[in-house]
Amino acid sequence: EHIKAQRQQLVEKNMSGVYSDEIFKEQNAILEEKLTRAMIVKD
């Protein structure tokens, strides 16, 4: 839930222009990796 909230904030900042597309892609990949690991632990 914490990672999903971080990803939503990242999307909002990207849409508002605070984060560029390059920064968004880099940070989103990191969050996706964390989410994958958390899902594996849960499963």
PDB file of all heavy atoms in Angstrom:
ATOM      1  N   GLU A   1       0.828  -1.207   0.000  1.00  0.00           N
ATOM      2  CA  GLU A   1       0.000   0.000   0.000  1.00  0.00           C
ATOM      3  C   GLU A   1       0.864   1.260   0.000  1.00  0.00           C
ATOM      4  O   GLU A   1       0.555   2.250  -0.668  1.00  0.00           O
ATOM      5  CB  GLU A   1      -0.938  -0.009   1.203  1.00  0.00           C
ATOM      6  CG  GLU A   1      -2.015  -1.090   1.153  1.00  0.00           C
ATOM      7  CD  GLU A   1      -2.897  -0.943  -0.078  1.00  0.00           C
ATOM      8  OE1 GLU A   1      -3.214   0.202  -0.462  1.00  0.00           O
ATOM      9  OE2 GLU A   1      -3.264  -1.978  -0.663  1.00  0.00           O
ATOM     10  N   HIS A   2       1.964   1.225   0.759  1.00  0.00           N
ATOM     11  CA  HIS A   2       2.874   2.376   0.808  1.00  0.00           C
ATOM     12  C   HIS A   2       3.517   2.618  -0.561  1.00  0.00           C
ATOM     13  O   HIS A   2       3.614   3.770  -1.013  1.00  0.00           O
ATOM     14  CB  HIS A   2       3.941   2.127   1.868  1.00  0.00           C
ATOM     15  CG  HIS A   2       4.954   3.244   1.978  1.00  0.00           C
ATOM     16  ND1 HIS A   2       4.621   4.511   2.418  1.00  0.00           N
ATOM     17  CD2 HIS A   2       6.288   3.268   1.685  1.00  0.00           C
ATOM     18  CE1 HIS A   2       5.703   5.276   2.401  1.00  0.00           C
ATOM     19  NE2 HIS A   2       6.729   4.541   1.954  1.00  0.00           N
ATOM     20  N   ILE A   3       3.937   1.542  -1.237  1.00  0.00           N
ATOM     21  CA  ILE A   3       4.568   1.682  -2.561  1.00  0.00           C
ATOM     22  C   ILE A   3       3.562   2.209  -3.576  1.00  0.00           C
ATOM     23  O   ILE A   3       3.888   3.067  -4.404  1.00  0.00           O
ATOM     24  CB  ILE A   3       5.144   0.323  -3.015  1.00  0.00           C
ATOM     25  CG1 ILE A   3       6.288  -0.093  -2.091  1.00  0.00           C
ATOM     26  CG2 ILE A   3       5.632   0.403  -4.457  1.00  0.00           C
ATOM     27  CD1 ILE A   3       6.807  -1.490  -2.352  1.00  0.00           C
ATOM     28  N   LYS A   4       2.325   1.723  -3.508  1.00  0.00           N
ATOM     29  CA  LYS A   4       1.303   2.196  -4.442  1.00  0.00           C
ATOM     30  C   LYS A   4       1.015   3.689  -4.232  1.00  0.00           C
ATOM     31  O   LYS A   4       0.796   4.427  -5.196  1.00  0.00           O
ATOM     32  CB  LYS A   4       0.017   1.378  -4.271  1.00  0.00           C
ATOM     33  CG  LYS A   4       0.123  -0.046  -4.803  1.00  0.00           C
ATOM     34  CD  LYS A   4      -1.193  -0.791  -4.651  1.00  0.00           C
ATOM     35  CE  LYS A   4      -1.107  -2.180  -5.258  1.00  0.00           C
ATOM     36  NZ  LYS A   4      -2.366  -2.941  -5.114  1.00  0.00           N
ATOM     37  N   ALA A   5       1.021   4.112  -2.962  1.00  0.00           N
ATOM     38  CA  ALA A   5       0.807   5.540  -2.685  1.00  0.00           C
ATOM     39  C   ALA A   5       1.968   6.372  -3.245  1.00  0.00           C
ATOM     40  O   ALA A   5       1.762   7.457  -3.806  1.00  0.00           O
ATOM     41  CB  ALA A   5       0.670   5.755  -1.183  1.00  0.00           C
ATOM     42  N   GLN A   6       3.197   5.866  -3.100  1.00  0.00           N
ATOM     43  CA  GLN A   6       4.353   6.572  -3.662  1.00  0.00           C
ATOM     44  C   GLN A   6       4.256   6.665  -5.183  1.00  0.00           C
ATOM     45  O   GLN A   6       4.577   7.705  -5.768  1.00  0.00           O
ATOM     46  CB  GLN A   6       5.638   5.830  -3.274  1.00  0.00           C
ATOM     47  CG  GLN A   6       6.048   6.019  -1.824  1.00  0.00           C
ATOM     48  CD  GLN A   6       7.358   5.325  -1.532  1.00  0.00           C
ATOM     49  OE1 GLN A   6       7.594   4.192  -1.953  1.00  0.00           O
ATOM     50  NE2 GLN A   6       8.240   5.992  -0.811  1.00  0.00           N
ATOM     51  N   ARG A   7       3.789   5.587  -5.806  1.00  0.00           N
ATOM     52  CA  ARG A   7       3.682   5.600  -7.263  1.00  0.00           C
ATOM     53  C   ARG A   7       2.614   6.581  -7.731  1.00  0.00           C
ATOM     54  O   ARG A   7       2.781   7.253  -8.743  1.00  0.00           O
ATOM     55  CB  ARG A   7       3.371   4.190  -7.778  1.00  0.00           C
ATOM     56  CG  ARG A   7       3.454   4.058  -9.285  1.00  0.00           C
ATOM     57  CD  ARG A   7       3.499   2.622  -9.729  1.00  0.00           C
ATOM     58  NE  ARG A   7       2.323   1.895  -9.312  1.00  0.00           N
ATOM     59  CZ  ARG A   7       2.117   0.597  -9.569  1.00  0.00           C
ATOM     60  NH1 ARG A   7       3.026  -0.087 -10.234  1.00  0.00           N
ATOM     61  NH2 ARG A   7       1.023  -0.014  -9.164  1.00  0.00           N
ATOM     62  N   GLN A   8       1.519   6.695  -6.963  1.00  0.00           N
ATOM     63  CA  GLN A   8       0.475   7.638  -7.325  1.00  0.00           C
ATOM     64  C   GLN A   8       0.985   9.079  -7.216  1.00  0.00           C
ATOM     65  O   GLN A   8       0.699   9.922  -8.078  1.00  0.00           O
ATOM     66  CB  GLN A   8      -0.745   7.435  -6.417  1.00  0.00           C
ATOM     67  CG  GLN A   8      -1.928   8.320  -6.743  1.00  0.00           C
ATOM     68  CD  GLN A   8      -2.450   8.119  -8.147  1.00  0.00           C
ATOM     69  OE1 GLN A   8      -2.427   7.014  -8.652  1.00  0.00           O
ATOM     70  NE2 GLN A   8      -2.925   9.188  -8.777  1.00  0.00           N
ATOM     71  N   GLN A   9       1.758   9.359  -6.174  1.00  0.00           N
ATOM     72  CA  GLN A   9       2.353  10.690  -6.029  1.00  0.00           C
ATOM     73  C   GLN A   9       3.323  10.978  -7.169  1.00  0.00           C
ATOM     74  O   GLN A   9       3.381  12.103  -7.685  1.00  0.00           O
ATOM     75  CB  GLN A   9       3.074  10.782  -4.685  1.00  0.00           C
ATOM     76  CG  GLN A   9       2.160  10.737  -3.470  1.00  0.00           C
ATOM     77  CD  GLN A   9       2.944  10.781  -2.178  1.00  0.00           C
ATOM     78  OE1 GLN A   9       4.169  10.863  -2.170  1.00  0.00           O
ATOM     79  NE2 GLN A   9       2.225  10.719  -1.052  1.00  0.00           N
ATOM     80  N   LEU A  10       4.060   9.955  -7.580  1.00  0.00           N
ATOM     81  CA  LEU A  10       4.998  10.125  -8.686  1.00  0.00           C
ATOM     82  C   LEU A  10       4.262  10.476  -9.974  1.00  0.00           C
ATOM     83  O   LEU A  10       4.692  11.357 -10.731  1.00  0.00           O
ATOM     84  CB  LEU A  10       5.807   8.842  -8.868  1.00  0.00           C
ATOM     85  CG  LEU A  10       6.874   8.847  -9.970  1.00  0.00           C
ATOM     86  CD1 LEU A  10       7.964   9.855  -9.651  1.00  0.00           C
ATOM     87  CD2 LEU A  10       7.472   7.450 -10.137  1.00  0.00           C
ATOM     88  N   VAL A  11       3.136   9.813 -10.210  1.00  0.00           N
ATOM     89  CA  VAL A  11       2.341  10.089 -11.413  1.00  0.00           C
ATOM     90  C   VAL A  11       1.807  11.515 -11.383  1.00  0.00           C
ATOM     91  O   VAL A  11       1.865  12.248 -12.388  1.00  0.00           O
ATOM     92  CB  VAL A  11       1.187   9.081 -11.526  1.00  0.00           C
ATOM     93  CG1 VAL A  11       0.215   9.490 -12.635  1.00  0.00           C
ATOM     94  CG2 VAL A  11       1.713   7.687 -11.801  1.00  0.00           C
ATOM     95  N   GLU A  12       1.294  11.925 -10.240  1.00  0.00           N
ATOM     96  CA  GLU A  12       0.734  13.276 -10.125  1.00  0.00           C
ATOM     97  C   GLU A  12       1.803  14.342 -10.350  1.00  0.00           C
ATOM     98  O   GLU A  12       1.553  15.351 -11.019  1.00  0.00           O
ATOM     99  CB  GLU A  12       0.091  13.436  -8.744  1.00  0.00           C
ATOM    100  CG  GLU A  12      -1.150  12.563  -8.553  1.00  0.00           C
ATOM    101  CD  GLU A  12      -1.692  12.647  -7.142  1.00  0.00           C
ATOM    102  OE1 GLU A  12      -1.041  13.327  -6.297  1.00  0.00           O
ATOM    103  OE2 GLU A  12      -2.749  12.054  -6.868  1.00  0.00           O
ATOM    104  N   LYS A  13       3.008  14.130  -9.812  1.00  0.00           N
ATOM    105  CA  LYS A  13       4.081  15.108 -10.004  1.00  0.00           C
ATOM    106  C   LYS A  13       4.553  15.127 -11.448  1.00  0.00           C
ATOM    107  O   LYS A  13       4.944  16.181 -11.968  1.00  0.00           O
ATOM    108  CB  LYS A  13       5.244  14.797  -9.066  1.00  0.00           C
ATOM    109  CG  LYS A  13       4.927  15.071  -7.594  1.00  0.00           C
ATOM    110  CD  LYS A  13       6.136  14.841  -6.713  1.00  0.00           C
ATOM    111  CE  LYS A  13       5.808  15.168  -5.265  1.00  0.00           C
ATOM    112  NZ  LYS A  13       6.978  14.969  -4.367  1.00  0.00           N
ATOM    113  N   ASN A  14       4.515  13.966 -12.104  1.00  0.00           N
ATOM    114  CA  ASN A  14       4.887  13.934 -13.516  1.00  0.00           C
ATOM    115  C   ASN A  14       3.861  14.669 -14.374  1.00  0.00           C
ATOM    116  O   ASN A  14       4.217  15.410 -15.294  1.00  0.00           O
ATOM    117  CB  ASN A  14       5.024  12.482 -13.979  1.00  0.00           C
ATOM    118  CG  ASN A  14       5.290  12.370 -15.470  1.00  0.00           C
ATOM    119  OD1 ASN A  14       4.432  11.917 -16.231  1.00  0.00           O
ATOM    120  ND2 ASN A  14       6.478  12.785 -15.897  1.00  0.00           N
ATOM    121  N   MET A  15       2.577  14.494 -14.072  1.00  0.00           N
ATOM    122  CA  MET A  15       1.533  15.144 -14.837  1.00  0.00           C
ATOM    123  C   MET A  15       1.527  16.658 -14.608  1.00  0.00           C
ATOM    124  O   MET A  15       1.170  17.436 -15.499  1.00  0.00           O
ATOM    125  CB  MET A  15       0.172  14.556 -14.471  1.00  0.00           C
ATOM    126  CG  MET A  15       0.020  13.075 -14.812  1.00  0.00           C
ATOM    127  SD  MET A  15       0.326  12.713 -16.557  1.00  0.00           S
ATOM    128  CE  MET A  15      -0.968  13.680 -17.313  1.00  0.00           C
ATOM    129  N   SER A  16       1.924  17.074 -13.404  1.00  0.00           N
ATOM    130  CA  SER A  16       1.944  18.511 -13.104  1.00  0.00           C
ATOM    131  C   SER A  16       3.233  19.186 -13.572  1.00  0.00           C
ATOM    132  O   SER A  16       3.375  20.403 -13.450  1.00  0.00           O
ATOM    133  CB  SER A  16       1.770  18.736 -11.605  1.00  0.00           C
ATOM    134  OG  SER A  16       2.830  18.146 -10.876  1.00  0.00           O
ATOM    135  N   GLY A  17       4.192  18.406 -14.067  1.00  0.00           N
ATOM    136  CA  GLY A  17       5.425  18.975 -14.585  1.00  0.00           C
ATOM    137  C   GLY A  17       6.543  19.090 -13.583  1.00  0.00           C
ATOM    138  O   GLY A  17       7.621  19.589 -13.911  1.00  0.00           O
ATOM    139  N   VAL A  18       6.330  18.626 -12.342  1.00  0.00           N
ATOM    140  CA  VAL A  18       7.385  18.698 -11.329  1.00  0.00           C
ATOM    141  C   VAL A  18       8.522  17.746 -11.696  1.00  0.00           C
ATOM    142  O   VAL A  18       9.708  18.087 -11.567  1.00  0.00           O
ATOM    143  CB  VAL A  18       6.813  18.362  -9.942  1.00  0.00           C
ATOM    144  CG1 VAL A  18       7.936  18.358  -8.897  1.00  0.00           C
ATOM    145  CG2 VAL A  18       5.724  19.347  -9.563  1.00  0.00           C
ATOM    146  N   TYR A  19       8.161  16.523 -12.153  1.00  0.00           N
ATOM    147  CA  TYR A  19       9.150  15.550 -12.574  1.00  0.00           C
ATOM    148  C   TYR A  19       9.096  15.402 -14.087  1.00  0.00           C
ATOM    149  O   TYR A  19       8.015  15.315 -14.672  1.00  0.00           O
ATOM    150  CB  TYR A  19       8.892  14.185 -11.927  1.00  0.00           C
ATOM    151  CG  TYR A  19       9.207  14.116 -10.448  1.00  0.00           C
ATOM    152  CD1 TYR A  19       8.667  13.108  -9.655  1.00  0.00           C
ATOM    153  CD2 TYR A  19      10.054  15.042  -9.843  1.00  0.00           C
ATOM    154  CE1 TYR A  19       8.948  13.037  -8.304  1.00  0.00           C
ATOM    155  CE2 TYR A  19      10.338  14.974  -8.507  1.00  0.00           C
ATOM    156  CZ  TYR A  19       9.784  13.980  -7.735  1.00  0.00           C
ATOM    157  OH  TYR A  19      10.063  13.910  -6.397  1.00  0.00           O
ATOM    158  N   SER A  20      10.259  15.369 -14.708  1.00  0.00           N
ATOM    159  CA  SER A  20      10.317  15.136 -16.152  1.00  0.00           C
ATOM    160  C   SER A  20      10.000  13.665 -16.446  1.00  0.00           C
ATOM    161  O   SER A  20       9.979  12.820 -15.540  1.00  0.00           O
ATOM    162  CB  SER A  20      11.702  15.488 -16.690  1.00  0.00           C
ATOM    163  OG  SER A  20      12.681  14.626 -16.124  1.00  0.00           O
ATOM    164  N   ASP A  21       9.789  13.370 -17.717  1.00  0.00           N
ATOM    165  CA  ASP A  21       9.494  11.988 -18.109  1.00  0.00           C
ATOM    166  C   ASP A  21      10.669  11.066 -17.801  1.00  0.00           C
ATOM    167  O   ASP A  21      10.476   9.897 -17.425  1.00  0.00           O
ATOM    168  CB  ASP A  21       9.160  11.922 -19.602  1.00  0.00           C
ATOM    169  CG  ASP A  21       7.825  12.578 -19.927  1.00  0.00           C
ATOM    170  OD1 ASP A  21       7.039  12.792 -18.979  1.00  0.00           O
ATOM    171  OD2 ASP A  21       7.573  12.866 -21.113  1.00  0.00           O
ATOM    172  N   GLU A  22      11.896  11.551 -17.945  1.00  0.00           N
ATOM    173  CA  GLU A  22      13.065  10.723 -17.652  1.00  0.00           C
ATOM    174  C   GLU A  22      13.136  10.354 -16.176  1.00  0.00           C
ATOM    175  O   GLU A  22      13.369   9.196 -15.816  1.00  0.00           O
ATOM    176  CB  GLU A  22      14.352  11.455 -18.075  1.00  0.00           C
ATOM    177  CG  GLU A  22      14.549  11.601 -19.576  1.00  0.00           C
ATOM    178  CD  GLU A  22      13.629  12.658 -20.180  1.00  0.00           C
ATOM    179  OE1 GLU A  22      13.059  13.460 -19.400  1.00  0.00           O
ATOM    180  OE2 GLU A  22      13.480  12.678 -21.418  1.00  0.00           O
ATOM    181  N   ILE A  23      12.911  11.358 -15.320  1.00  0.00           N
ATOM    182  CA  ILE A  23      12.920  11.081 -13.875  1.00  0.00           C
ATOM    183  C   ILE A  23      11.773  10.151 -13.516  1.00  0.00           C
ATOM    184  O   ILE A  23      11.926   9.243 -12.692  1.00  0.00           O
ATOM    185  CB  ILE A  23      12.829  12.407 -13.083  1.00  0.00           C
ATOM    186  CG1 ILE A  23      14.080  13.263 -13.342  1.00  0.00           C
ATOM    187  CG2 ILE A  23      12.650  12.135 -11.600  1.00  0.00           C
ATOM    188  CD1 ILE A  23      14.045  14.607 -12.644  1.00  0.00           C
ATOM    189  N   PHE A  24      10.611  10.379 -14.136  1.00  0.00           N
ATOM    190  CA  PHE A  24       9.447   9.520 -13.853  1.00  0.00           C
ATOM    191  C   PHE A  24       9.756   8.060 -14.193  1.00  0.00           C
ATOM    192  O   PHE A  24       9.484   7.155 -13.391  1.00  0.00           O
ATOM    193  CB  PHE A  24       8.232   9.992 -14.658  1.00  0.00           C
ATOM    194  CG  PHE A  24       7.073   9.048 -14.587  1.00  0.00           C
ATOM    195  CD1 PHE A  24       6.200   9.065 -13.504  1.00  0.00           C
ATOM    196  CD2 PHE A  24       6.859   8.111 -15.602  1.00  0.00           C
ATOM    197  CE1 PHE A  24       5.143   8.189 -13.435  1.00  0.00           C
ATOM    198  CE2 PHE A  24       5.799   7.231 -15.534  1.00  0.00           C
ATOM    199  CZ  PHE A  24       4.944   7.271 -14.451  1.00  0.00           C
ATOM    200  N   LYS A  25      10.325   7.824 -15.371  1.00  0.00           N
ATOM    201  CA  LYS A  25      10.613   6.453 -15.786  1.00  0.00           C
ATOM    202  C   LYS A  25      11.617   5.798 -14.850  1.00  0.00           C
ATOM    203  O   LYS A  25      11.476   4.622 -14.486  1.00  0.00           O
ATOM    204  CB  LYS A  25      11.140   6.447 -17.223  1.00  0.00           C
ATOM    205  CG  LYS A  25      10.093   6.830 -18.259  1.00  0.00           C
ATOM    206  CD  LYS A  25      10.699   6.851 -19.662  1.00  0.00           C
ATOM    207  CE  LYS A  25       9.653   7.247 -20.697  1.00  0.00           C
ATOM    208  NZ  LYS A  25      10.224   7.290 -22.074  1.00  0.00           N
ATOM    209  N   GLU A  26      12.632   6.562 -14.436  1.00  0.00           N
ATOM    210  CA  GLU A  26      13.644   6.007 -13.548  1.00  0.00           C
ATOM    211  C   GLU A  26      13.053   5.645 -12.186  1.00  0.00           C
ATOM    212  O   GLU A  26      13.249   4.534 -11.682  1.00  0.00           O
ATOM    213  CB  GLU A  26      14.776   7.022 -13.384  1.00  0.00           C
ATOM    214  CG  GLU A  26      15.877   6.558 -12.439  1.00  0.00           C
ATOM    215  CD  GLU A  26      16.939   7.621 -12.239  1.00  0.00           C
ATOM    216  OE1 GLU A  26      16.894   8.654 -12.948  1.00  0.00           O
ATOM    217  OE2 GLU A  26      17.805   7.425 -11.373  1.00  0.00           O
ATOM    218  N   GLN A  27      12.294   6.579 -11.589  1.00  0.00           N
ATOM    219  CA  GLN A  27      11.715   6.328 -10.272  1.00  0.00           C
ATOM    220  C   GLN A  27      10.611   5.264 -10.339  1.00  0.00           C
ATOM    221  O   GLN A  27      10.456   4.459  -9.420  1.00  0.00           O
ATOM    222  CB  GLN A  27      11.148   7.633  -9.702  1.00  0.00           C
ATOM    223  CG  GLN A  27      12.205   8.680  -9.411  1.00  0.00           C
ATOM    224  CD  GLN A  27      13.233   8.198  -8.402  1.00  0.00           C
ATOM    225  OE1 GLN A  27      12.878   7.598  -7.380  1.00  0.00           O
ATOM    226  NE2 GLN A  27      14.504   8.469  -8.671  1.00  0.00           N
ATOM    227  N   ASN A  28       9.853   5.265 -11.428  1.00  0.00           N
ATOM    228  CA  ASN A  28       8.782   4.271 -11.568  1.00  0.00           C
ATOM    229  C   ASN A  28       9.358   2.863 -11.668  1.00  0.00           C
ATOM    230  O   ASN A  28       8.785   1.908 -11.139  1.00  0.00           O
ATOM    231  CB  ASN A  28       7.933   4.584 -12.801  1.00  0.00           C
ATOM    232  CG  ASN A  28       6.709   3.698 -12.882  1.00  0.00           C
ATOM    233  OD1 ASN A  28       5.865   3.685 -11.988  1.00  0.00           O
ATOM    234  ND2 ASN A  28       6.589   2.953 -13.963  1.00  0.00           N
ATOM    235  N   ALA A  29      10.500   2.710 -12.353  1.00  0.00           N
ATOM    236  CA  ALA A  29      11.149   1.402 -12.448  1.00  0.00           C
ATOM    237  C   ALA A  29      11.605   0.911 -11.073  1.00  0.00           C
ATOM    238  O   ALA A  29      11.487  -0.278 -10.749  1.00  0.00           O
ATOM    239  CB  ALA A  29      12.339   1.481 -13.411  1.00  0.00           C
ATOM    240  N   ILE A  30      12.098   1.839 -10.254  1.00  0.00           N
ATOM    241  CA  ILE A  30      12.532   1.469  -8.897  1.00  0.00           C
ATOM    242  C   ILE A  30      11.331   1.011  -8.066  1.00  0.00           C
ATOM    243  O   ILE A  30      11.391  -0.016  -7.367  1.00  0.00           O
ATOM    244  CB  ILE A  30      13.234   2.664  -8.224  1.00  0.00           C
ATOM    245  CG1 ILE A  30      14.533   2.999  -8.970  1.00  0.00           C
ATOM    246  CG2 ILE A  30      13.521   2.364  -6.748  1.00  0.00           C
ATOM    247  CD1 ILE A  30      15.231   4.250  -8.461  1.00  0.00           C
ATOM    248  N   LEU A  31      10.224   1.769  -8.145  1.00  0.00           N
ATOM    249  CA  LEU A  31       9.032   1.396  -7.388  1.00  0.00           C
ATOM    250  C   LEU A  31       8.450   0.079  -7.891  1.00  0.00           C
ATOM    251  O   LEU A  31       7.948  -0.732  -7.095  1.00  0.00           O
ATOM    252  CB  LEU A  31       7.981   2.515  -7.492  1.00  0.00           C
ATOM    253  CG  LEU A  31       8.332   3.827  -6.792  1.00  0.00           C
ATOM    254  CD1 LEU A  31       7.242   4.863  -7.038  1.00  0.00           C
ATOM    255  CD2 LEU A  31       8.520   3.612  -5.285  1.00  0.00           C
ATOM    256  N   GLU A  32       8.510  -0.145  -9.192  1.00  0.00           N
ATOM    257  CA  GLU A  32       8.000  -1.396  -9.758  1.00  0.00           C
ATOM    258  C   GLU A  32       8.813  -2.584  -9.242  1.00  0.00           C
ATOM    259  O   GLU A  32       8.264  -3.644  -8.933  1.00  0.00           O
ATOM    260  CB  GLU A  32       8.064  -1.337 -11.287  1.00  0.00           C
ATOM    261  CG  GLU A  32       7.356  -2.474 -11.989  1.00  0.00           C
ATOM    262  CD  GLU A  32       5.858  -2.373 -11.918  1.00  0.00           C
ATOM    263  OE1 GLU A  32       5.343  -1.286 -11.567  1.00  0.00           O
ATOM    264  OE2 GLU A  32       5.189  -3.381 -12.203  1.00  0.00           O
ATOM    265  N   GLU A  33      10.116  -2.405  -9.121  1.00  0.00           N
ATOM    266  CA  GLU A  33      10.978  -3.455  -8.587  1.00  0.00           C
ATOM    267  C   GLU A  33      10.628  -3.743  -7.124  1.00  0.00           C
ATOM    268  O   GLU A  33      10.524  -4.906  -6.710  1.00  0.00           O
ATOM    269  CB  GLU A  33      12.442  -3.021  -8.709  1.00  0.00           C
ATOM    270  CG  GLU A  33      13.449  -4.000  -8.123  1.00  0.00           C
ATOM    271  CD  GLU A  33      13.615  -5.234  -8.991  1.00  0.00           C
ATOM    272  OE1 GLU A  33      13.183  -5.210 -10.158  1.00  0.00           O
ATOM    273  OE2 GLU A  33      14.175  -6.222  -8.484  1.00  0.00           O
ATOM    274  N   LYS A  34      10.417  -2.699  -6.343  1.00  0.00           N
ATOM    275  CA  LYS A  34      10.042  -2.890  -4.938  1.00  0.00           C
ATOM    276  C   LYS A  34       8.688  -3.576  -4.824  1.00  0.00           C
ATOM    277  O   LYS A  34       8.492  -4.449  -3.969  1.00  0.00           O
ATOM    278  CB  LYS A  34       9.993  -1.530  -4.228  1.00  0.00           C
ATOM    279  CG  LYS A  34      11.351  -0.866  -4.038  1.00  0.00           C
ATOM    280  CD  LYS A  34      11.207   0.457  -3.299  1.00  0.00           C
ATOM    281  CE  LYS A  34      12.554   1.125  -3.072  1.00  0.00           C
ATOM    282  NZ  LYS A  34      12.417   2.421  -2.360  1.00  0.00           N
ATOM    283  N   LEU A  35       7.748  -3.194  -5.690  1.00  0.00           N
ATOM    284  CA  LEU A  35       6.419  -3.791  -5.652  1.00  0.00           C
ATOM    285  C   LEU A  35       6.481  -5.265  -6.015  1.00  0.00           C
ATOM    286  O   LEU A  35       5.792  -6.093  -5.402  1.00  0.00           O
ATOM    287  CB  LEU A  35       5.489  -3.047  -6.613  1.00  0.00           C
ATOM    288  CG  LEU A  35       4.016  -3.473  -6.599  1.00  0.00           C
ATOM    289  CD1 LEU A  35       3.407  -3.249  -5.222  1.00  0.00           C
ATOM    290  CD2 LEU A  35       3.222  -2.705  -7.650  1.00  0.00           C
ATOM    291  N   THR A  36       7.316  -5.607  -6.989  1.00  0.00           N
ATOM    292  CA  THR A  36       7.461  -7.014  -7.375  1.00  0.00           C
ATOM    293  C   THR A  36       7.994  -7.839  -6.219  1.00  0.00           C
ATOM    294  O   THR A  36       7.473  -8.924  -5.925  1.00  0.00           O
ATOM    295  CB  THR A  36       8.418  -7.125  -8.581  1.00  0.00           C
ATOM    296  OG1 THR A  36       7.874  -6.382  -9.683  1.00  0.00           O
ATOM    297  CG2 THR A  36       8.590  -8.578  -9.001  1.00  0.00           C
ATOM    298  N   ARG A  37       8.997  -7.328  -5.532  1.00  0.00           N
ATOM    299  CA  ARG A  37       9.561  -8.064  -4.393  1.00  0.00           C
ATOM    300  C   ARG A  37       8.538  -8.212  -3.275  1.00  0.00           C
ATOM    301  O   ARG A  37       8.432  -9.280  -2.651  1.00  0.00           O
ATOM    302  CB  ARG A  37      10.797  -7.337  -3.883  1.00  0.00           C
ATOM    303  CG  ARG A  37      11.967  -7.357  -4.858  1.00  0.00           C
ATOM    304  CD  ARG A  37      13.153  -6.573  -4.316  1.00  0.00           C
ATOM    305  NE  ARG A  37      14.281  -6.586  -5.236  1.00  0.00           N
ATOM    306  CZ  ARG A  37      15.406  -5.928  -5.050  1.00  0.00           C
ATOM    307  NH1 ARG A  37      15.554  -5.191  -3.940  1.00  0.00           N
ATOM    308  NH2 ARG A  37      16.385  -5.993  -5.929  1.00  0.00           N
ATOM    309  N   ALA A  38       7.774  -7.164  -3.020  1.00  0.00           N
ATOM    310  CA  ALA A  38       6.761  -7.235  -1.962  1.00  0.00           C
ATOM    311  C   ALA A  38       5.681  -8.239  -2.317  1.00  0.00           C
ATOM    312  O   ALA A  38       5.203  -8.985  -1.448  1.00  0.00           O
ATOM    313  CB  ALA A  38       6.143  -5.851  -1.739  1.00  0.00           C
ATOM    314  N   MET A  39       5.302  -8.286  -3.586  1.00  0.00           N
ATOM    315  CA  MET A  39       4.283  -9.243  -4.016  1.00  0.00           C
ATOM    316  C   MET A  39       4.787 -10.672  -3.891  1.00  0.00           C
ATOM    317  O   MET A  39       4.035 -11.579  -3.527  1.00  0.00           O
ATOM    318  CB  MET A  39       3.878  -8.955  -5.464  1.00  0.00           C
ATOM    319  CG  MET A  39       3.015  -7.715  -5.624  1.00  0.00           C
ATOM    320  SD  MET A  39       1.395  -7.932  -4.853  1.00  0.00           S
ATOM    321  CE  MET A  39       0.601  -6.390  -5.348  1.00  0.00           C
ATOM    322  N   ILE A  40       6.066 -10.884  -4.207  1.00  0.00           N
ATOM    323  CA  ILE A  40       6.639 -12.226  -4.077  1.00  0.00           C
ATOM    324  C   ILE A  40       6.654 -12.659  -2.616  1.00  0.00           C
ATOM    325  O   ILE A  40       6.325 -13.797  -2.277  1.00  0.00           O
ATOM    326  CB  ILE A  40       8.058 -12.250  -4.665  1.00  0.00           C
ATOM    327  CG1 ILE A  40       8.004 -12.019  -6.177  1.00  0.00           C
ATOM    328  CG2 ILE A  40       8.749 -13.576  -4.373  1.00  0.00           C
ATOM    329  CD1 ILE A  40       9.372 -11.874  -6.811  1.00  0.00           C
ATOM    330  N   VAL A  41       7.031 -11.751  -1.722  1.00  0.00           N
ATOM    331  CA  VAL A  41       7.025 -12.063  -0.293  1.00  0.00           C
ATOM    332  C   VAL A  41       5.619 -12.414   0.166  1.00  0.00           C
ATOM    333  O   VAL A  41       5.410 -13.395   0.887  1.00  0.00           O
ATOM    334  CB  VAL A  41       7.571 -10.871   0.515  1.00  0.00           C
ATOM    335  CG1 VAL A  41       7.351 -11.097   2.003  1.00  0.00           C
ATOM    336  CG2 VAL A  41       9.048 -10.668   0.225  1.00  0.00           C
ATOM    337  N   LYS A  42       4.648 -11.653  -0.276  1.00  0.00           N
ATOM    338  CA  LYS A  42       3.265 -11.919   0.109  1.00  0.00           C
ATOM    339  C   LYS A  42       2.800 -13.261  -0.414  1.00  0.00           C
ATOM    340  O   LYS A  42       2.150 -14.036   0.283  1.00  0.00           O
ATOM    341  CB  LYS A  42       2.359 -10.813  -0.421  1.00  0.00           C
ATOM    342  CG  LYS A  42       0.887 -11.009  -0.060  1.00  0.00           C
ATOM    343  CD  LYS A  42       0.037  -9.880  -0.610  1.00  0.00           C
ATOM    344  CE  LYS A  42      -1.429 -10.118  -0.271  1.00  0.00           C
ATOM    345  NZ  LYS A  42      -2.284  -9.026  -0.794  1.00  0.00           N
ATOM    346  N   ASP A  43       3.138 -13.572  -1.660  1.00  0.00           N
ATOM    347  CA  ASP A  43       2.700 -14.838  -2.256  1.00  0.00           C
ATOM    348  C   ASP A  43       3.391 -16.019  -1.582  1.00  0.00           C
ATOM    349  O   ASP A  43       2.777 -17.031  -1.312  1.00  0.00           O
ATOM    350  CB  ASP A  43       3.012 -14.833  -3.753  1.00  0.00           C
ATOM    351  CG  ASP A  43       2.528 -16.098  -4.436  1.00  0.00           C
ATOM    352  OD1 ASP A  43       1.316 -16.242  -4.594  1.00  0.00           O
ATOM    353  OD2 ASP A  43       3.368 -16.938  -4.809  1.00  0.00           O
TER     354      ASP A  43
END
